[in-house]
Amino acid sequence: GRKQQYVTGMIAFGVALITVMFTYKGFFAEGL
């Protein structure tokens, strides 16, 4: 179970990375 949580977390971190890559310019352009 711990390993399944770890894999889940790593997938979520990967999703977070992709989300940041595609959205950070919009945030910074608005001064956020």
PDB file of all heavy atoms in Angstrom:
ATOM      1  N   GLY A   1       0.815  -1.210   0.000  1.00  0.00           N
ATOM      2  CA  GLY A   1       0.000   0.000   0.000  1.00  0.00           C
ATOM      3  C   GLY A   1       0.846   1.255   0.000  1.00  0.00           C
ATOM      4  O   GLY A   1       0.523   2.246  -0.682  1.00  0.00           O
ATOM      5  N   ARG A   2       1.923   1.229   0.758  1.00  0.00           N
ATOM      6  CA  ARG A   2       2.830   2.372   0.809  1.00  0.00           C
ATOM      7  C   ARG A   2       3.426   2.653  -0.571  1.00  0.00           C
ATOM      8  O   ARG A   2       3.550   3.806  -0.995  1.00  0.00           O
ATOM      9  CB  ARG A   2       3.946   2.111   1.827  1.00  0.00           C
ATOM     10  CG  ARG A   2       4.764   3.330   2.184  1.00  0.00           C
ATOM     11  CD  ARG A   2       5.935   2.959   3.081  1.00  0.00           C
ATOM     12  NE  ARG A   2       5.505   2.328   4.327  1.00  0.00           N
ATOM     13  CZ  ARG A   2       6.346   1.805   5.207  1.00  0.00           C
ATOM     14  NH1 ARG A   2       7.662   1.819   4.962  1.00  0.00           N
ATOM     15  NH2 ARG A   2       5.896   1.258   6.323  1.00  0.00           N
ATOM     16  N   LYS A   3       3.785   1.576  -1.274  1.00  0.00           N
ATOM     17  CA  LYS A   3       4.349   1.744  -2.612  1.00  0.00           C
ATOM     18  C   LYS A   3       3.321   2.336  -3.571  1.00  0.00           C
ATOM     19  O   LYS A   3       3.656   3.196  -4.402  1.00  0.00           O
ATOM     20  CB  LYS A   3       4.836   0.399  -3.146  1.00  0.00           C
ATOM     21  CG  LYS A   3       5.552   0.514  -4.497  1.00  0.00           C
ATOM     22  CD  LYS A   3       6.141  -0.809  -4.931  1.00  0.00           C
ATOM     23  CE  LYS A   3       6.896  -0.648  -6.251  1.00  0.00           C
ATOM     24  NZ  LYS A   3       7.498  -1.935  -6.694  1.00  0.00           N
ATOM     25  N   GLN A   4       2.065   1.910  -3.460  1.00  0.00           N
ATOM     26  CA  GLN A   4       1.017   2.465  -4.313  1.00  0.00           C
ATOM     27  C   GLN A   4       0.832   3.956  -4.047  1.00  0.00           C
ATOM     28  O   GLN A   4       0.634   4.748  -4.978  1.00  0.00           O
ATOM     29  CB  GLN A   4      -0.298   1.716  -4.084  1.00  0.00           C
ATOM     30  CG  GLN A   4      -0.312   0.293  -4.619  1.00  0.00           C
ATOM     31  CD  GLN A   4      -0.073   0.224  -6.113  1.00  0.00           C
ATOM     32  OE1 GLN A   4      -0.619   1.007  -6.885  1.00  0.00           O
ATOM     33  NE2 GLN A   4       0.754  -0.721  -6.534  1.00  0.00           N
ATOM     34  N   GLN A   5       0.923   4.351  -2.782  1.00  0.00           N
ATOM     35  CA  GLN A   5       0.833   5.775  -2.460  1.00  0.00           C
ATOM     36  C   GLN A   5       2.010   6.545  -3.036  1.00  0.00           C
ATOM     37  O   GLN A   5       1.861   7.664  -3.539  1.00  0.00           O
ATOM     38  CB  GLN A   5       0.801   5.969  -0.944  1.00  0.00           C
ATOM     39  CG  GLN A   5      -0.565   5.808  -0.321  1.00  0.00           C
ATOM     40  CD  GLN A   5      -0.579   6.301   1.111  1.00  0.00           C
ATOM     41  OE1 GLN A   5      -0.335   5.528   2.033  1.00  0.00           O
ATOM     42  NE2 GLN A   5      -0.850   7.576   1.296  1.00  0.00           N
ATOM     43  N   TYR A   6       3.194   5.956  -2.941  1.00  0.00           N
ATOM     44  CA  TYR A   6       4.392   6.602  -3.466  1.00  0.00           C
ATOM     45  C   TYR A   6       4.273   6.827  -4.971  1.00  0.00           C
ATOM     46  O   TYR A   6       4.538   7.930  -5.477  1.00  0.00           O
ATOM     47  CB  TYR A   6       5.614   5.743  -3.151  1.00  0.00           C
ATOM     48  CG  TYR A   6       6.870   6.146  -3.870  1.00  0.00           C
ATOM     49  CD1 TYR A   6       7.470   7.378  -3.620  1.00  0.00           C
ATOM     50  CD2 TYR A   6       7.465   5.293  -4.812  1.00  0.00           C
ATOM     51  CE1 TYR A   6       8.626   7.748  -4.293  1.00  0.00           C
ATOM     52  CE2 TYR A   6       8.622   5.652  -5.471  1.00  0.00           C
ATOM     53  CZ  TYR A   6       9.195   6.880  -5.212  1.00  0.00           C
ATOM     54  OH  TYR A   6      10.342   7.249  -5.878  1.00  0.00           O
ATOM     55  N   VAL A   7       3.844   5.779  -5.701  1.00  0.00           N
ATOM     56  CA  VAL A   7       3.675   5.905  -7.149  1.00  0.00           C
ATOM     57  C   VAL A   7       2.614   6.958  -7.464  1.00  0.00           C
ATOM     58  O   VAL A   7       2.775   7.776  -8.372  1.00  0.00           O
ATOM     59  CB  VAL A   7       3.295   4.541  -7.769  1.00  0.00           C
ATOM     60  CG1 VAL A   7       2.983   4.704  -9.254  1.00  0.00           C
ATOM     61  CG2 VAL A   7       4.426   3.536  -7.583  1.00  0.00           C
ATOM     62  N   THR A   8       1.525   6.946  -6.691  1.00  0.00           N
ATOM     63  CA  THR A   8       0.468   7.948  -6.870  1.00  0.00           C
ATOM     64  C   THR A   8       1.016   9.353  -6.680  1.00  0.00           C
ATOM     65  O   THR A   8       0.731  10.265  -7.474  1.00  0.00           O
ATOM     66  CB  THR A   8      -0.674   7.701  -5.859  1.00  0.00           C
ATOM     67  OG1 THR A   8      -1.231   6.411  -6.089  1.00  0.00           O
ATOM     68  CG2 THR A   8      -1.772   8.757  -6.006  1.00  0.00           C
ATOM     69  N   GLY A   9       1.806   9.542  -5.622  1.00  0.00           N
ATOM     70  CA  GLY A   9       2.409  10.842  -5.355  1.00  0.00           C
ATOM     71  C   GLY A   9       3.334  11.286  -6.473  1.00  0.00           C
ATOM     72  O   GLY A   9       3.310  12.453  -6.891  1.00  0.00           O
ATOM     73  N   MET A  10       4.142  10.360  -6.991  1.00  0.00           N
ATOM     74  CA  MET A  10       5.082  10.713  -8.059  1.00  0.00           C
ATOM     75  C   MET A  10       4.338  11.084  -9.347  1.00  0.00           C
ATOM     76  O   MET A  10       4.748  11.998 -10.072  1.00  0.00           O
ATOM     77  CB  MET A  10       6.039   9.544  -8.313  1.00  0.00           C
ATOM     78  CG  MET A  10       6.964   9.240  -7.150  1.00  0.00           C
ATOM     79  SD  MET A  10       8.003  10.645  -6.650  1.00  0.00           S
ATOM     80  CE  MET A  10       9.530  10.238  -7.477  1.00  0.00           C
ATOM     81  N   ILE A  11       3.239  10.375  -9.632  1.00  0.00           N
ATOM     82  CA  ILE A  11       2.414  10.747 -10.787  1.00  0.00           C
ATOM     83  C   ILE A  11       1.850  12.150 -10.590  1.00  0.00           C
ATOM     84  O   ILE A  11       1.844  12.976 -11.514  1.00  0.00           O
ATOM     85  CB  ILE A  11       1.278   9.725 -10.991  1.00  0.00           C
ATOM     86  CG1 ILE A  11       1.851   8.375 -11.426  1.00  0.00           C
ATOM     87  CG2 ILE A  11       0.269  10.236 -12.025  1.00  0.00           C
ATOM     88  CD1 ILE A  11       0.834   7.254 -11.467  1.00  0.00           C
ATOM     89  N   ALA A  12       1.380  12.429  -9.374  1.00  0.00           N
ATOM     90  CA  ALA A  12       0.816  13.752  -9.066  1.00  0.00           C
ATOM     91  C   ALA A  12       1.871  14.842  -9.191  1.00  0.00           C
ATOM     92  O   ALA A  12       1.586  15.948  -9.684  1.00  0.00           O
ATOM     93  CB  ALA A  12       0.217  13.751  -7.668  1.00  0.00           C
ATOM     94  N   PHE A  13       3.093  14.556  -8.759  1.00  0.00           N
ATOM     95  CA  PHE A  13       4.174  15.532  -8.908  1.00  0.00           C
ATOM     96  C   PHE A  13       4.468  15.768 -10.390  1.00  0.00           C
ATOM     97  O   PHE A  13       4.769  16.891 -10.806  1.00  0.00           O
ATOM     98  CB  PHE A  13       5.437  15.063  -8.185  1.00  0.00           C
ATOM     99  CG  PHE A  13       5.330  15.112  -6.685  1.00  0.00           C
ATOM    100  CD1 PHE A  13       5.721  14.027  -5.915  1.00  0.00           C
ATOM    101  CD2 PHE A  13       4.843  16.238  -6.038  1.00  0.00           C
ATOM    102  CE1 PHE A  13       5.624  14.069  -4.533  1.00  0.00           C
ATOM    103  CE2 PHE A  13       4.742  16.287  -4.657  1.00  0.00           C
ATOM    104  CZ  PHE A  13       5.133  15.191  -3.899  1.00  0.00           C
ATOM    105  N   GLY A  14       4.399  14.694 -11.188  1.00  0.00           N
ATOM    106  CA  GLY A  14       4.576  14.855 -12.633  1.00  0.00           C
ATOM    107  C   GLY A  14       3.486  15.724 -13.239  1.00  0.00           C
ATOM    108  O   GLY A  14       3.754  16.580 -14.090  1.00  0.00           O
ATOM    109  N   VAL A  15       2.240  15.505 -12.801  1.00  0.00           N
ATOM    110  CA  VAL A  15       1.125  16.342 -13.263  1.00  0.00           C
ATOM    111  C   VAL A  15       1.350  17.791 -12.850  1.00  0.00           C
ATOM    112  O   VAL A  15       1.098  18.727 -13.635  1.00  0.00           O
ATOM    113  CB  VAL A  15      -0.213  15.822 -12.687  1.00  0.00           C
ATOM    114  CG1 VAL A  15      -1.347  16.797 -12.978  1.00  0.00           C
ATOM    115  CG2 VAL A  15      -0.542  14.447 -13.267  1.00  0.00           C
ATOM    116  N   ALA A  16       1.834  17.986 -11.615  1.00  0.00           N
ATOM    117  CA  ALA A  16       2.113  19.342 -11.134  1.00  0.00           C
ATOM    118  C   ALA A  16       3.161  20.024 -12.013  1.00  0.00           C
ATOM    119  O   ALA A  16       3.028  21.206 -12.355  1.00  0.00           O
ATOM    120  CB  ALA A  16       2.590  19.291  -9.685  1.00  0.00           C
ATOM    121  N   LEU A  17       4.200  19.282 -12.388  1.00  0.00           N
ATOM    122  CA  LEU A  17       5.257  19.841 -13.239  1.00  0.00           C
ATOM    123  C   LEU A  17       4.695  20.268 -14.591  1.00  0.00           C
ATOM    124  O   LEU A  17       4.981  21.377 -15.071  1.00  0.00           O
ATOM    125  CB  LEU A  17       6.365  18.797 -13.427  1.00  0.00           C
ATOM    126  CG  LEU A  17       7.485  19.172 -14.407  1.00  0.00           C
ATOM    127  CD1 LEU A  17       8.197  20.453 -13.977  1.00  0.00           C
ATOM    128  CD2 LEU A  17       8.478  18.015 -14.533  1.00  0.00           C
ATOM    129  N   ILE A  18       3.903  19.408 -15.210  1.00  0.00           N
ATOM    130  CA  ILE A  18       3.314  19.743 -16.519  1.00  0.00           C
ATOM    131  C   ILE A  18       2.376  20.950 -16.390  1.00  0.00           C
ATOM    132  O   ILE A  18       2.386  21.851 -17.241  1.00  0.00           O
ATOM    133  CB  ILE A  18       2.550  18.524 -17.076  1.00  0.00           C
ATOM    134  CG1 ILE A  18       3.535  17.386 -17.380  1.00  0.00           C
ATOM    135  CG2 ILE A  18       1.772  18.899 -18.331  1.00  0.00           C
ATOM    136  CD1 ILE A  18       2.866  16.063 -17.720  1.00  0.00           C
ATOM    137  N   THR A  19       1.594  20.977 -15.322  1.00  0.00           N
ATOM    138  CA  THR A  19       0.669  22.100 -15.109  1.00  0.00           C
ATOM    139  C   THR A  19       1.424  23.415 -14.962  1.00  0.00           C
ATOM    140  O   THR A  19       1.042  24.440 -15.559  1.00  0.00           O
ATOM    141  CB  THR A  19      -0.195  21.849 -13.854  1.00  0.00           C
ATOM    142  OG1 THR A  19      -0.875  20.600 -13.976  1.00  0.00           O
ATOM    143  CG2 THR A  19      -1.219  22.960 -13.667  1.00  0.00           C
ATOM    144  N   VAL A  20       2.492  23.405 -14.186  1.00  0.00           N
ATOM    145  CA  VAL A  20       3.294  24.617 -13.994  1.00  0.00           C
ATOM    146  C   VAL A  20       3.941  25.049 -15.310  1.00  0.00           C
ATOM    147  O   VAL A  20       3.958  26.245 -15.654  1.00  0.00           O
ATOM    148  CB  VAL A  20       4.368  24.387 -12.908  1.00  0.00           C
ATOM    149  CG1 VAL A  20       5.355  25.553 -12.866  1.00  0.00           C
ATOM    150  CG2 VAL A  20       3.717  24.211 -11.545  1.00  0.00           C
ATOM    151  N   MET A  21       4.470  24.093 -16.060  1.00  0.00           N
ATOM    152  CA  MET A  21       5.126  24.415 -17.342  1.00  0.00           C
ATOM    153  C   MET A  21       4.186  25.137 -18.297  1.00  0.00           C
ATOM    154  O   MET A  21       4.600  26.058 -19.016  1.00  0.00           O
ATOM    155  CB  MET A  21       5.645  23.126 -17.994  1.00  0.00           C
ATOM    156  CG  MET A  21       6.874  22.533 -17.337  1.00  0.00           C
ATOM    157  SD  MET A  21       7.380  20.973 -18.132  1.00  0.00           S
ATOM    158  CE  MET A  21       7.779  21.544 -19.777  1.00  0.00           C
ATOM    159  N   PHE A  22       2.912  24.735 -18.314  1.00  0.00           N
ATOM    160  CA  PHE A  22       1.960  25.302 -19.266  1.00  0.00           C
ATOM    161  C   PHE A  22       1.242  26.545 -18.748  1.00  0.00           C
ATOM    162  O   PHE A  22       0.553  27.226 -19.527  1.00  0.00           O
ATOM    163  CB  PHE A  22       0.925  24.244 -19.663  1.00  0.00           C
ATOM    164  CG  PHE A  22       1.423  23.270 -20.691  1.00  0.00           C
ATOM    165  CD1 PHE A  22       1.934  22.043 -20.307  1.00  0.00           C
ATOM    166  CD2 PHE A  22       1.416  23.586 -22.040  1.00  0.00           C
ATOM    167  CE1 PHE A  22       2.407  21.138 -21.242  1.00  0.00           C
ATOM    168  CE2 PHE A  22       1.890  22.698 -22.993  1.00  0.00           C
ATOM    169  CZ  PHE A  22       2.397  21.464 -22.598  1.00  0.00           C
ATOM    170  N   THR A  23       1.382  26.844 -17.482  1.00  0.00           N
ATOM    171  CA  THR A  23       0.591  27.958 -16.927  1.00  0.00           C
ATOM    172  C   THR A  23       1.420  29.082 -16.301  1.00  0.00           C
ATOM    173  O   THR A  23       0.876  30.173 -16.083  1.00  0.00           O
ATOM    174  CB  THR A  23      -0.391  27.443 -15.855  1.00  0.00           C
ATOM    175  OG1 THR A  23       0.343  26.795 -14.801  1.00  0.00           O
ATOM    176  CG2 THR A  23      -1.382  26.446 -16.448  1.00  0.00           C
ATOM    177  N   TYR A  24       2.710  28.848 -15.997  1.00  0.00           N
ATOM    178  CA  TYR A  24       3.449  29.857 -15.231  1.00  0.00           C
ATOM    179  C   TYR A  24       3.567  31.187 -15.979  1.00  0.00           C
ATOM    180  O   TYR A  24       3.544  32.266 -15.364  1.00  0.00           O
ATOM    181  CB  TYR A  24       4.830  29.325 -14.833  1.00  0.00           C
ATOM    182  CG  TYR A  24       5.900  29.410 -15.897  1.00  0.00           C
ATOM    183  CD1 TYR A  24       6.663  30.569 -16.061  1.00  0.00           C
ATOM    184  CD2 TYR A  24       6.165  28.322 -16.726  1.00  0.00           C
ATOM    185  CE1 TYR A  24       7.649  30.641 -17.037  1.00  0.00           C
ATOM    186  CE2 TYR A  24       7.149  28.387 -17.694  1.00  0.00           C
ATOM    187  CZ  TYR A  24       7.886  29.540 -17.849  1.00  0.00           C
ATOM    188  OH  TYR A  24       8.856  29.612 -18.814  1.00  0.00           O
ATOM    189  N   LYS A  25       3.667  31.144 -17.306  1.00  0.00           N
ATOM    190  CA  LYS A  25       3.794  32.396 -18.071  1.00  0.00           C
ATOM    191  C   LYS A  25       2.557  33.263 -17.900  1.00  0.00           C
ATOM    192  O   LYS A  25       2.662  34.484 -17.779  1.00  0.00           O
ATOM    193  CB  LYS A  25       4.039  32.085 -19.545  1.00  0.00           C
ATOM    194  CG  LYS A  25       5.422  31.505 -19.826  1.00  0.00           C
ATOM    195  CD  LYS A  25       5.625  31.287 -21.322  1.00  0.00           C
ATOM    196  CE  LYS A  25       7.014  30.715 -21.598  1.00  0.00           C
ATOM    197  NZ  LYS A  25       7.220  30.456 -23.058  1.00  0.00           N
ATOM    198  N   GLY A  26       1.390  32.617 -17.902  1.00  0.00           N
ATOM    199  CA  GLY A  26       0.152  33.360 -17.705  1.00  0.00           C
ATOM    200  C   GLY A  26       0.073  33.987 -16.327  1.00  0.00           C
ATOM    201  O   GLY A  26      -0.338  35.145 -16.184  1.00  0.00           O
ATOM    202  N   PHE A  27       0.511  33.238 -15.306  1.00  0.00           N
ATOM    203  CA  PHE A  27       0.522  33.773 -13.943  1.00  0.00           C
ATOM    204  C   PHE A  27       1.457  34.973 -13.840  1.00  0.00           C
ATOM    205  O   PHE A  27       1.091  36.035 -13.324  1.00  0.00           O
ATOM    206  CB  PHE A  27       0.961  32.687 -12.954  1.00  0.00           C
ATOM    207  CG  PHE A  27      -0.148  31.789 -12.496  1.00  0.00           C
ATOM    208  CD1 PHE A  27      -0.472  30.654 -13.208  1.00  0.00           C
ATOM    209  CD2 PHE A  27      -0.876  32.066 -11.345  1.00  0.00           C
ATOM    210  CE1 PHE A  27      -1.493  29.806 -12.798  1.00  0.00           C
ATOM    211  CE2 PHE A  27      -1.896  31.238 -10.922  1.00  0.00           C
ATOM    212  CZ  PHE A  27      -2.215  30.097 -11.655  1.00  0.00           C
ATOM    213  N   PHE A  28       2.688  34.813 -14.343  1.00  0.00           N
ATOM    214  CA  PHE A  28       3.686  35.879 -14.228  1.00  0.00           C
ATOM    215  C   PHE A  28       3.294  37.102 -15.059  1.00  0.00           C
ATOM    216  O   PHE A  28       3.563  38.246 -14.668  1.00  0.00           O
ATOM    217  CB  PHE A  28       5.057  35.367 -14.668  1.00  0.00           C
ATOM    218  CG  PHE A  28       5.667  34.351 -13.725  1.00  0.00           C
ATOM    219  CD1 PHE A  28       6.824  33.665 -14.070  1.00  0.00           C
ATOM    220  CD2 PHE A  28       5.086  34.074 -12.495  1.00  0.00           C
ATOM    221  CE1 PHE A  28       7.389  32.750 -13.206  1.00  0.00           C
ATOM    222  CE2 PHE A  28       5.640  33.145 -11.624  1.00  0.00           C
ATOM    223  CZ  PHE A  28       6.794  32.478 -11.987  1.00  0.00           C
ATOM    224  N   ALA A  29       2.652  36.864 -16.211  1.00  0.00           N
ATOM    225  CA  ALA A  29       2.232  37.984 -17.060  1.00  0.00           C
ATOM    226  C   ALA A  29       1.209  38.860 -16.358  1.00  0.00           C
ATOM    227  O   ALA A  29       1.143  40.076 -16.598  1.00  0.00           O
ATOM    228  CB  ALA A  29       1.660  37.445 -18.368  1.00  0.00           C
ATOM    229  N   GLU A  30       0.422  38.257 -15.470  1.00  0.00           N
ATOM    230  CA  GLU A  30      -0.578  39.004 -14.711  1.00  0.00           C
ATOM    231  C   GLU A  30      -0.033  39.511 -13.377  1.00  0.00           C
ATOM    232  O   GLU A  30      -0.778  40.060 -12.566  1.00  0.00           O
ATOM    233  CB  GLU A  30      -1.809  38.123 -14.456  1.00  0.00           C
ATOM    234  CG  GLU A  30      -2.552  37.731 -15.712  1.00  0.00           C
ATOM    235  CD  GLU A  30      -3.760  36.852 -15.421  1.00  0.00           C
ATOM    236  OE1 GLU A  30      -4.178  36.787 -14.239  1.00  0.00           O
ATOM    237  OE2 GLU A  30      -4.280  36.225 -16.358  1.00  0.00           O
ATOM    238  N   GLY A  31       1.271  39.333 -13.164  1.00  0.00           N
ATOM    239  CA  GLY A  31       1.884  39.787 -11.923  1.00  0.00           C
ATOM    240  C   GLY A  31       1.620  38.885 -10.740  1.00  0.00           C
ATOM    241  O   GLY A  31       1.841  39.278  -9.583  1.00  0.00           O
ATOM    242  N   LEU A  32       1.153  37.670 -11.001  1.00  0.00           N
ATOM    243  CA  LEU A  32       0.883  36.715  -9.929  1.00  0.00           C
ATOM    244  C   LEU A  32       2.143  35.903  -9.635  1.00  0.00           C
ATOM    245  O   LEU A  32       2.468  34.934 -10.335  1.00  0.00           O
ATOM    246  CB  LEU A  32      -0.271  35.783 -10.324  1.00  0.00           C
ATOM    247  CG  LEU A  32      -1.657  36.442 -10.413  1.00  0.00           C
ATOM    248  CD1 LEU A  32      -2.675  35.477 -11.003  1.00  0.00           C
ATOM    249  CD2 LEU A  32      -2.096  36.911  -9.027  1.00  0.00           C
TER     250      LEU A  32
END
